[in-house]
């Protein structure tokens, strides 16, 4: 199997989504997958000119952090969720669904 990680810029924009083998995310002392090991591994292989400053674990099924990370999306540290890119400057984030809503065209 493999684990997925979102590469974040300093402003928490998702710049990359990379896959790492379980071998590169497993704690040798416990034999358990440890996302911090995978994140450290990825940072160690990034070129120095990379704008990625951090890697966060993401899940294809969205079983944590609300959804799978998307390129161009962002990570909300306040809510610990990945967000789709904001469709427009006036769109408002629904803090229950973590979906962007158009204030000029609300759902009935």
C-alpha atoms as a PDB file:
ATOM      1  CA  UNK A   1       0.000   0.000   0.000  1.00  0.00           C
ATOM      2  CA  UNK A   2       0.953   3.636  -0.025  1.00  0.00           C
ATOM      3  CA  UNK A   3       0.288   6.883   1.785  1.00  0.00           C
ATOM      4  CA  UNK A   4      -0.558  10.242   0.248  1.00  0.00           C
ATOM      5  CA  UNK A   5       0.812  13.610   1.286  1.00  0.00           C
ATOM      6  CA  UNK A   6      -0.021  17.188   0.335  1.00  0.00           C
ATOM      7  CA  UNK A   7       2.947  19.499  -0.154  1.00  0.00           C
ATOM      8  CA  UNK A   8       2.114  22.929   1.221  1.00  0.00           C
ATOM      9  CA  UNK A   9       3.535  26.354   0.486  1.00  0.00           C
ATOM     10  CA  UNK A  10       4.089  28.837   3.321  1.00  0.00           C
ATOM     11  CA  UNK A  11       0.560  30.215   2.723  1.00  0.00           C
ATOM     12  CA  UNK A  12      -0.940  26.675   3.026  1.00  0.00           C
ATOM     13  CA  UNK A  13      -1.699  26.350  -0.694  1.00  0.00           C
ATOM     14  CA  UNK A  14      -1.427  22.761  -1.928  1.00  0.00           C
ATOM     15  CA  UNK A  15       1.431  22.695  -4.452  1.00  0.00           C
ATOM     16  CA  UNK A  16       1.731  18.913  -4.866  1.00  0.00           C
ATOM     17  CA  UNK A  17       0.122  15.649  -3.833  1.00  0.00           C
ATOM     18  CA  UNK A  18       2.645  12.821  -3.638  1.00  0.00           C
ATOM     19  CA  UNK A  19       2.473   9.117  -2.877  1.00  0.00           C
ATOM     20  CA  UNK A  20       4.949   7.361  -0.595  1.00  0.00           C
ATOM     21  CA  UNK A  21       5.309   3.632  -0.026  1.00  0.00           C
ATOM     22  CA  UNK A  22       4.360   2.297   3.377  1.00  0.00           C
ATOM     23  CA  UNK A  23       8.018   1.322   3.799  1.00  0.00           C
ATOM     24  CA  UNK A  24       8.960   5.019   3.809  1.00  0.00           C
ATOM     25  CA  UNK A  25       6.306   5.853   6.399  1.00  0.00           C
ATOM     26  CA  UNK A  26       6.776   2.987   8.853  1.00  0.00           C
ATOM     27  CA  UNK A  27       8.327   3.442  12.276  1.00  0.00           C
ATOM     28  CA  UNK A  28      11.123   0.838  12.494  1.00  0.00           C
ATOM     29  CA  UNK A  29      10.605   0.474  16.257  1.00  0.00           C
ATOM     30  CA  UNK A  30       6.871  -0.206  16.220  1.00  0.00           C
ATOM     31  CA  UNK A  31       6.223  -1.398  12.665  1.00  0.00           C
ATOM     32  CA  UNK A  32       3.313   1.058  12.480  1.00  0.00           C
ATOM     33  CA  UNK A  33       2.721   3.684   9.821  1.00  0.00           C
ATOM     34  CA  UNK A  34       3.655   7.108  11.143  1.00  0.00           C
ATOM     35  CA  UNK A  35       2.678  10.020   8.865  1.00  0.00           C
ATOM     36  CA  UNK A  36       5.354  12.242  10.396  1.00  0.00           C
ATOM     37  CA  UNK A  37       8.006   9.838   9.064  1.00  0.00           C
ATOM     38  CA  UNK A  38       6.549  10.051   5.552  1.00  0.00           C
ATOM     39  CA  UNK A  39       6.368  13.839   5.758  1.00  0.00           C
ATOM     40  CA  UNK A  40       9.990  14.061   6.903  1.00  0.00           C
ATOM     41  CA  UNK A  41      11.077  11.674   4.149  1.00  0.00           C
ATOM     42  CA  UNK A  42       9.417  13.817   1.479  1.00  0.00           C
ATOM     43  CA  UNK A  43      10.914  17.046   2.824  1.00  0.00           C
ATOM     44  CA  UNK A  44      14.348  15.418   2.774  1.00  0.00           C
ATOM     45  CA  UNK A  45      14.118  14.688  -0.967  1.00  0.00           C
ATOM     46  CA  UNK A  46      12.716  18.069  -2.026  1.00  0.00           C
ATOM     47  CA  UNK A  47      15.100  20.230  -4.033  1.00  0.00           C
ATOM     48  CA  UNK A  48      16.333  23.323  -2.152  1.00  0.00           C
ATOM     49  CA  UNK A  49      14.498  25.653  -4.543  1.00  0.00           C
ATOM     50  CA  UNK A  50      11.134  24.009  -3.819  1.00  0.00           C
ATOM     51  CA  UNK A  51       8.372  26.235  -2.453  1.00  0.00           C
ATOM     52  CA  UNK A  52       7.043  23.311  -0.395  1.00  0.00           C
ATOM     53  CA  UNK A  53       7.652  23.911   3.295  1.00  0.00           C
ATOM     54  CA  UNK A  54       5.586  21.100   4.801  1.00  0.00           C
ATOM     55  CA  UNK A  55       3.870  17.832   3.937  1.00  0.00           C
ATOM     56  CA  UNK A  56       0.563  16.736   5.492  1.00  0.00           C
ATOM     57  CA  UNK A  57      -1.047  13.330   5.299  1.00  0.00           C
ATOM     58  CA  UNK A  58      -4.162  13.180   3.106  1.00  0.00           C
ATOM     59  CA  UNK A  59      -6.548  10.314   2.386  1.00  0.00           C
ATOM     60  CA  UNK A  60      -8.185   9.277  -0.891  1.00  0.00           C
ATOM     61  CA  UNK A  61     -11.468   8.515   0.889  1.00  0.00           C
ATOM     62  CA  UNK A  62     -11.389  11.746   2.881  1.00  0.00           C
ATOM     63  CA  UNK A  63     -11.598   9.829   6.150  1.00  0.00           C
ATOM     64  CA  UNK A  64      -9.624  12.599   7.827  1.00  0.00           C
ATOM     65  CA  UNK A  65      -9.065  16.289   7.059  1.00  0.00           C
ATOM     66  CA  UNK A  66     -12.519  16.197   5.440  1.00  0.00           C
ATOM     67  CA  UNK A  67     -11.333  15.449   1.885  1.00  0.00           C
ATOM     68  CA  UNK A  68      -8.385  14.528  -0.258  1.00  0.00           C
ATOM     69  CA  UNK A  69      -6.055  17.456  -0.923  1.00  0.00           C
ATOM     70  CA  UNK A  70      -6.400  19.145  -4.318  1.00  0.00           C
ATOM     71  CA  UNK A  71      -3.727  21.026  -6.253  1.00  0.00           C
ATOM     72  CA  UNK A  72      -4.428  24.710  -5.875  1.00  0.00           C
ATOM     73  CA  UNK A  73      -6.623  24.092  -2.848  1.00  0.00           C
ATOM     74  CA  UNK A  74      -5.654  25.139   0.641  1.00  0.00           C
ATOM     75  CA  UNK A  75      -5.291  23.670   4.080  1.00  0.00           C
ATOM     76  CA  UNK A  76      -7.209  25.302   6.916  1.00  0.00           C
ATOM     77  CA  UNK A  77      -5.151  24.930  10.082  1.00  0.00           C
ATOM     78  CA  UNK A  78      -8.008  26.307  12.158  1.00  0.00           C
ATOM     79  CA  UNK A  79     -10.358  23.500  11.072  1.00  0.00           C
ATOM     80  CA  UNK A  80      -7.766  20.833  10.090  1.00  0.00           C
ATOM     81  CA  UNK A  81      -9.379  20.357   6.670  1.00  0.00           C
ATOM     82  CA  UNK A  82      -8.342  20.571   3.041  1.00  0.00           C
ATOM     83  CA  UNK A  83     -10.422  23.026   1.043  1.00  0.00           C
ATOM     84  CA  UNK A  84     -11.172  23.213  -2.657  1.00  0.00           C
ATOM     85  CA  UNK A  85      -9.924  26.390  -4.329  1.00  0.00           C
ATOM     86  CA  UNK A  86     -12.234  29.320  -3.612  1.00  0.00           C
ATOM     87  CA  UNK A  87     -14.325  29.751  -6.805  1.00  0.00           C
ATOM     88  CA  UNK A  88     -14.622  33.519  -6.474  1.00  0.00           C
ATOM     89  CA  UNK A  89     -13.624  36.307  -4.099  1.00  0.00           C
ATOM     90  CA  UNK A  90     -17.137  36.702  -2.669  1.00  0.00           C
ATOM     91  CA  UNK A  91     -17.765  33.006  -2.071  1.00  0.00           C
ATOM     92  CA  UNK A  92     -18.168  32.092   1.600  1.00  0.00           C
ATOM     93  CA  UNK A  93     -16.977  28.931   3.306  1.00  0.00           C
ATOM     94  CA  UNK A  94     -19.738  26.880   4.943  1.00  0.00           C
ATOM     95  CA  UNK A  95     -18.193  25.801   8.245  1.00  0.00           C
ATOM     96  CA  UNK A  96     -20.426  22.735   8.492  1.00  0.00           C
ATOM     97  CA  UNK A  97     -19.818  21.217   5.052  1.00  0.00           C
ATOM     98  CA  UNK A  98     -16.523  22.973   4.267  1.00  0.00           C
ATOM     99  CA  UNK A  99     -17.859  23.755   0.786  1.00  0.00           C
ATOM    100  CA  UNK A 100     -17.733  27.188  -0.818  1.00  0.00           C
ATOM    101  CA  UNK A 101     -21.132  28.855  -1.301  1.00  0.00           C
ATOM    102  CA  UNK A 102     -22.018  31.615  -3.735  1.00  0.00           C
ATOM    103  CA  UNK A 103     -23.706  34.377  -1.733  1.00  0.00           C
ATOM    104  CA  UNK A 104     -25.272  35.737  -4.936  1.00  0.00           C
ATOM    105  CA  UNK A 105     -26.915  32.405  -5.813  1.00  0.00           C
ATOM    106  CA  UNK A 106     -27.894  30.591  -2.604  1.00  0.00           C
ATOM    107  CA  UNK A 107     -29.425  27.144  -2.795  1.00  0.00           C
ATOM    108  CA  UNK A 108     -33.191  27.099  -2.205  1.00  0.00           C
END
